[in-house]
N, C-alpha and C. Protein backbone atom coordinates (compact mmCIF):
# COMPACT_ATOMS: atom_id res chain seq x y z
N MET A 1 -62.00 169.10 85.36
CA MET A 1 -61.89 168.10 84.32
C MET A 1 -62.29 168.66 82.95
N ARG A 2 -63.24 169.53 82.89
CA ARG A 2 -63.71 170.11 81.63
C ARG A 2 -62.59 170.87 80.92
N VAL A 3 -61.80 171.63 81.65
CA VAL A 3 -60.69 172.40 81.05
C VAL A 3 -59.68 171.45 80.44
N GLN A 4 -59.40 170.35 81.09
CA GLN A 4 -58.45 169.38 80.56
C GLN A 4 -58.95 168.79 79.24
N GLN A 5 -60.24 168.54 79.15
CA GLN A 5 -60.81 167.99 77.92
C GLN A 5 -60.69 169.00 76.78
N VAL A 6 -60.97 170.24 77.07
CA VAL A 6 -60.86 171.29 76.05
C VAL A 6 -59.42 171.43 75.58
N LEU A 7 -58.49 171.43 76.52
CA LEU A 7 -57.07 171.55 76.15
C LEU A 7 -56.63 170.34 75.33
N PHE A 8 -57.10 169.17 75.69
CA PHE A 8 -56.76 167.96 74.96
C PHE A 8 -57.27 168.04 73.52
N LEU A 9 -58.52 168.45 73.35
CA LEU A 9 -59.08 168.57 72.01
C LEU A 9 -58.37 169.64 71.20
N ALA A 10 -58.04 170.74 71.84
CA ALA A 10 -57.31 171.81 71.15
C ALA A 10 -55.96 171.32 70.66
N MET A 11 -55.30 170.52 71.47
CA MET A 11 -54.00 169.98 71.10
C MET A 11 -54.15 169.03 69.91
N ILE A 12 -55.14 168.17 69.95
CA ILE A 12 -55.34 167.21 68.86
C ILE A 12 -55.63 167.94 67.56
N PHE A 13 -56.57 168.89 67.57
CA PHE A 13 -56.91 169.61 66.34
C PHE A 13 -55.76 170.47 65.86
N GLY A 14 -55.00 171.04 66.76
CA GLY A 14 -53.86 171.86 66.38
C GLY A 14 -52.77 171.05 65.72
N LEU A 15 -52.53 169.84 66.20
CA LEU A 15 -51.48 169.01 65.64
C LEU A 15 -51.92 168.28 64.37
N SER A 16 -53.20 168.09 64.21
CA SER A 16 -53.67 167.35 63.05
C SER A 16 -53.79 168.21 61.80
N GLY A 17 -53.62 169.51 61.92
CA GLY A 17 -53.75 170.39 60.77
C GLY A 17 -55.20 170.57 60.38
N CYS A 18 -56.09 170.52 61.33
CA CYS A 18 -57.52 170.66 61.07
C CYS A 18 -57.79 171.92 60.26
N GLY A 19 -58.55 171.77 59.20
CA GLY A 19 -58.89 172.92 58.37
C GLY A 19 -57.91 173.14 57.23
N SER A 20 -56.85 172.38 57.19
CA SER A 20 -55.88 172.54 56.12
C SER A 20 -56.11 171.49 55.05
N ASP A 21 -56.07 171.90 53.79
CA ASP A 21 -56.24 170.97 52.69
C ASP A 21 -54.91 170.49 52.14
N SER A 22 -53.81 170.93 52.72
CA SER A 22 -52.52 170.51 52.20
C SER A 22 -52.02 169.30 52.97
N THR A 23 -51.38 168.40 52.24
CA THR A 23 -50.80 167.23 52.87
C THR A 23 -49.38 167.55 53.25
N PRO A 24 -48.79 166.76 54.15
CA PRO A 24 -47.41 167.03 54.55
C PRO A 24 -46.46 167.04 53.36
N ALA A 25 -45.42 167.82 53.49
CA ALA A 25 -44.45 167.94 52.40
C ALA A 25 -43.68 166.65 52.22
N LYS A 26 -43.28 166.42 50.99
CA LYS A 26 -42.47 165.26 50.65
C LYS A 26 -41.27 165.76 49.89
N SER A 27 -40.25 164.93 49.85
CA SER A 27 -39.07 165.32 49.09
C SER A 27 -39.39 165.22 47.60
N ALA A 28 -38.62 165.92 46.80
CA ALA A 28 -38.85 165.92 45.36
C ALA A 28 -38.73 164.51 44.80
N ALA A 29 -37.87 163.70 45.38
CA ALA A 29 -37.67 162.34 44.88
C ALA A 29 -38.88 161.45 45.12
N SER A 30 -39.74 161.79 46.07
CA SER A 30 -40.87 160.93 46.39
C SER A 30 -42.07 161.13 45.46
N TYR A 31 -42.03 162.15 44.62
CA TYR A 31 -43.08 162.35 43.63
C TYR A 31 -42.63 161.75 42.32
N ASN A 32 -43.57 161.21 41.58
CA ASN A 32 -43.19 160.59 40.32
C ASN A 32 -43.21 161.62 39.19
N ALA A 33 -42.75 161.20 38.06
CA ALA A 33 -42.60 162.11 36.92
C ALA A 33 -43.94 162.61 36.38
N THR A 34 -45.03 161.94 36.72
CA THR A 34 -46.32 162.38 36.22
C THR A 34 -46.88 163.56 37.01
N ASP A 35 -46.33 163.85 38.18
CA ASP A 35 -46.75 165.02 38.94
C ASP A 35 -46.31 166.26 38.17
N HIS A 36 -47.27 167.08 37.83
CA HIS A 36 -47.00 168.23 36.98
C HIS A 36 -46.96 169.52 37.79
N TYR A 37 -45.98 170.35 37.52
CA TYR A 37 -45.90 171.68 38.11
C TYR A 37 -45.43 172.61 37.01
N PRO A 38 -46.28 173.52 36.54
CA PRO A 38 -45.98 174.31 35.35
C PRO A 38 -45.00 175.47 35.55
N LEU A 39 -44.61 175.73 36.77
CA LEU A 39 -43.74 176.87 37.04
C LEU A 39 -42.33 176.42 37.40
N GLU A 40 -41.36 177.28 37.14
CA GLU A 40 -39.99 177.03 37.55
C GLU A 40 -39.66 177.84 38.80
N ILE A 41 -40.69 178.49 39.34
CA ILE A 41 -40.51 179.34 40.52
C ILE A 41 -41.46 178.90 41.63
N CYS A 42 -41.18 179.34 42.82
CA CYS A 42 -42.06 179.13 43.97
C CYS A 42 -43.29 180.01 43.77
N VAL A 43 -44.46 179.42 43.91
CA VAL A 43 -45.71 180.15 43.69
C VAL A 43 -45.91 181.25 44.75
N VAL A 44 -45.24 181.14 45.89
CA VAL A 44 -45.37 182.12 46.97
C VAL A 44 -44.34 183.25 46.84
N SER A 45 -43.06 182.88 46.81
CA SER A 45 -42.00 183.89 46.86
C SER A 45 -41.52 184.38 45.50
N GLY A 46 -41.73 183.56 44.47
CA GLY A 46 -41.21 183.90 43.15
C GLY A 46 -39.77 183.50 42.95
N GLN A 47 -39.16 182.89 43.96
CA GLN A 47 -37.77 182.44 43.87
C GLN A 47 -37.67 181.23 42.95
N LYS A 48 -36.57 181.11 42.23
CA LYS A 48 -36.35 179.97 41.36
C LYS A 48 -36.26 178.70 42.21
N LEU A 49 -37.03 177.69 41.81
CA LEU A 49 -37.00 176.43 42.55
C LEU A 49 -35.62 175.80 42.45
N GLY A 50 -35.12 175.34 43.58
CA GLY A 50 -33.80 174.75 43.65
C GLY A 50 -32.73 175.72 44.09
N ALA A 51 -33.02 177.01 44.05
CA ALA A 51 -32.04 178.02 44.45
C ALA A 51 -31.75 177.96 45.95
N MET A 52 -32.72 177.46 46.71
CA MET A 52 -32.55 177.39 48.16
C MET A 52 -32.45 175.93 48.62
N GLY A 53 -32.07 175.05 47.72
CA GLY A 53 -32.02 173.63 48.03
C GLY A 53 -33.21 172.93 47.40
N GLU A 54 -33.44 171.70 47.82
CA GLU A 54 -34.53 170.91 47.27
C GLU A 54 -35.87 171.59 47.52
N PRO A 55 -36.73 171.67 46.51
CA PRO A 55 -38.04 172.29 46.71
C PRO A 55 -38.86 171.59 47.78
N PHE A 56 -39.70 172.34 48.44
CA PHE A 56 -40.63 171.85 49.46
C PHE A 56 -41.93 171.56 48.72
N ILE A 57 -42.32 170.29 48.63
CA ILE A 57 -43.44 169.89 47.78
C ILE A 57 -44.60 169.39 48.62
N ILE A 58 -45.79 169.90 48.30
CA ILE A 58 -47.01 169.45 48.96
C ILE A 58 -48.04 169.08 47.91
N LYS A 59 -49.06 168.38 48.33
CA LYS A 59 -50.24 168.15 47.50
C LYS A 59 -51.34 168.99 48.12
N TYR A 60 -52.01 169.80 47.31
CA TYR A 60 -53.10 170.64 47.78
C TYR A 60 -54.29 170.38 46.87
N GLN A 61 -55.36 169.88 47.43
CA GLN A 61 -56.57 169.56 46.67
C GLN A 61 -56.22 168.73 45.43
N GLY A 62 -55.32 167.77 45.62
CA GLY A 62 -54.95 166.85 44.55
C GLY A 62 -53.91 167.36 43.58
N LYS A 63 -53.45 168.59 43.75
CA LYS A 63 -52.45 169.17 42.84
C LYS A 63 -51.11 169.29 43.53
N THR A 64 -50.06 169.09 42.76
CA THR A 64 -48.71 169.26 43.26
C THR A 64 -48.39 170.75 43.33
N VAL A 65 -47.85 171.17 44.46
CA VAL A 65 -47.43 172.56 44.64
C VAL A 65 -45.99 172.53 45.14
N LYS A 66 -45.12 173.25 44.45
CA LYS A 66 -43.71 173.30 44.83
C LYS A 66 -43.39 174.68 45.39
N LEU A 67 -42.81 174.67 46.56
CA LEU A 67 -42.39 175.90 47.23
C LEU A 67 -40.87 175.90 47.33
N CYS A 68 -40.28 177.07 47.41
CA CYS A 68 -38.81 177.13 47.47
C CYS A 68 -38.28 176.64 48.81
N CYS A 69 -39.09 176.78 49.86
CA CYS A 69 -38.65 176.35 51.19
C CYS A 69 -39.85 176.14 52.10
N SER A 70 -39.62 175.55 53.23
CA SER A 70 -40.72 175.27 54.16
C SER A 70 -41.33 176.53 54.75
N LYS A 71 -40.59 177.62 54.77
CA LYS A 71 -41.12 178.86 55.32
C LYS A 71 -42.28 179.41 54.50
N CYS A 72 -42.34 179.08 53.22
CA CYS A 72 -43.42 179.56 52.36
C CYS A 72 -44.74 178.84 52.63
N LEU A 73 -44.69 177.71 53.31
CA LEU A 73 -45.92 176.95 53.56
C LEU A 73 -46.91 177.74 54.39
N LYS A 74 -46.45 178.46 55.39
CA LYS A 74 -47.35 179.24 56.24
C LYS A 74 -48.08 180.29 55.43
N GLU A 75 -47.36 181.00 54.57
CA GLU A 75 -47.99 182.02 53.74
C GLU A 75 -48.94 181.38 52.72
N PHE A 76 -48.53 180.24 52.15
CA PHE A 76 -49.40 179.53 51.21
C PHE A 76 -50.71 179.16 51.90
N ASN A 77 -50.64 178.59 53.09
CA ASN A 77 -51.84 178.18 53.82
C ASN A 77 -52.71 179.36 54.24
N SER A 78 -52.11 180.53 54.41
CA SER A 78 -52.89 181.69 54.84
C SER A 78 -53.79 182.23 53.72
N ASP A 79 -53.41 182.00 52.46
CA ASP A 79 -54.23 182.46 51.33
C ASP A 79 -54.04 181.51 50.15
N SER A 80 -54.34 180.25 50.38
CA SER A 80 -54.10 179.23 49.35
C SER A 80 -54.88 179.50 48.06
N ALA A 81 -56.06 180.08 48.17
CA ALA A 81 -56.85 180.35 46.96
C ALA A 81 -56.10 181.29 46.01
N LYS A 82 -55.46 182.30 46.55
CA LYS A 82 -54.69 183.25 45.74
C LYS A 82 -53.56 182.53 45.00
N PHE A 83 -52.83 181.69 45.70
CA PHE A 83 -51.70 181.00 45.09
C PHE A 83 -52.14 179.92 44.11
N MET A 84 -53.27 179.28 44.40
CA MET A 84 -53.79 178.26 43.48
C MET A 84 -54.30 178.91 42.20
N THR A 85 -54.80 180.13 42.28
CA THR A 85 -55.22 180.86 41.08
C THR A 85 -54.01 181.11 40.18
N VAL A 86 -52.90 181.51 40.77
CA VAL A 86 -51.67 181.72 40.01
C VAL A 86 -51.24 180.41 39.34
N LEU A 87 -51.29 179.33 40.09
CA LEU A 87 -50.91 178.02 39.57
C LEU A 87 -51.86 177.57 38.46
N ASP A 88 -53.15 177.77 38.65
CA ASP A 88 -54.14 177.40 37.63
C ASP A 88 -53.91 178.17 36.33
N GLU A 89 -53.62 179.46 36.44
CA GLU A 89 -53.35 180.28 35.25
C GLU A 89 -52.09 179.77 34.53
N ALA A 90 -51.07 179.39 35.27
CA ALA A 90 -49.84 178.88 34.66
C ALA A 90 -50.12 177.55 33.96
N GLU A 91 -50.98 176.72 34.54
CA GLU A 91 -51.34 175.45 33.89
C GLU A 91 -52.09 175.70 32.59
N LYS A 92 -53.00 176.66 32.58
CA LYS A 92 -53.74 176.99 31.36
C LYS A 92 -52.79 177.47 30.27
N LYS A 93 -51.83 178.30 30.67
CA LYS A 93 -50.87 178.85 29.72
C LYS A 93 -49.99 177.73 29.15
N ALA A 94 -49.58 176.80 30.01
CA ALA A 94 -48.73 175.69 29.57
C ALA A 94 -49.46 174.74 28.64
N ALA A 95 -50.77 174.64 28.79
CA ALA A 95 -51.58 173.74 27.96
C ALA A 95 -51.76 174.26 26.54
N LYS A 96 -51.58 175.55 26.35
CA LYS A 96 -51.77 176.17 25.02
C LYS A 96 -50.60 175.91 24.10
């Protein structure tokens, strides 16, 4: 019985995205015009947003993050601090 409980908990935490600060992706149309993204490129791949179809949009720590595709989400989650630094620098530059 103990093994079943461990497997059950592992399944729940694995499916819930435990440890991830990003919310599920939404379509571009579901974000309002006040959501700001200072780049015209994917923060992960550098590809122009829209070149691969509708951008893959998430909220991370309250900020909008646009990726060129869903495949970039795994890399973003693996080192989100690095990509958020790039985004923060772009926001500072846009504010000037």
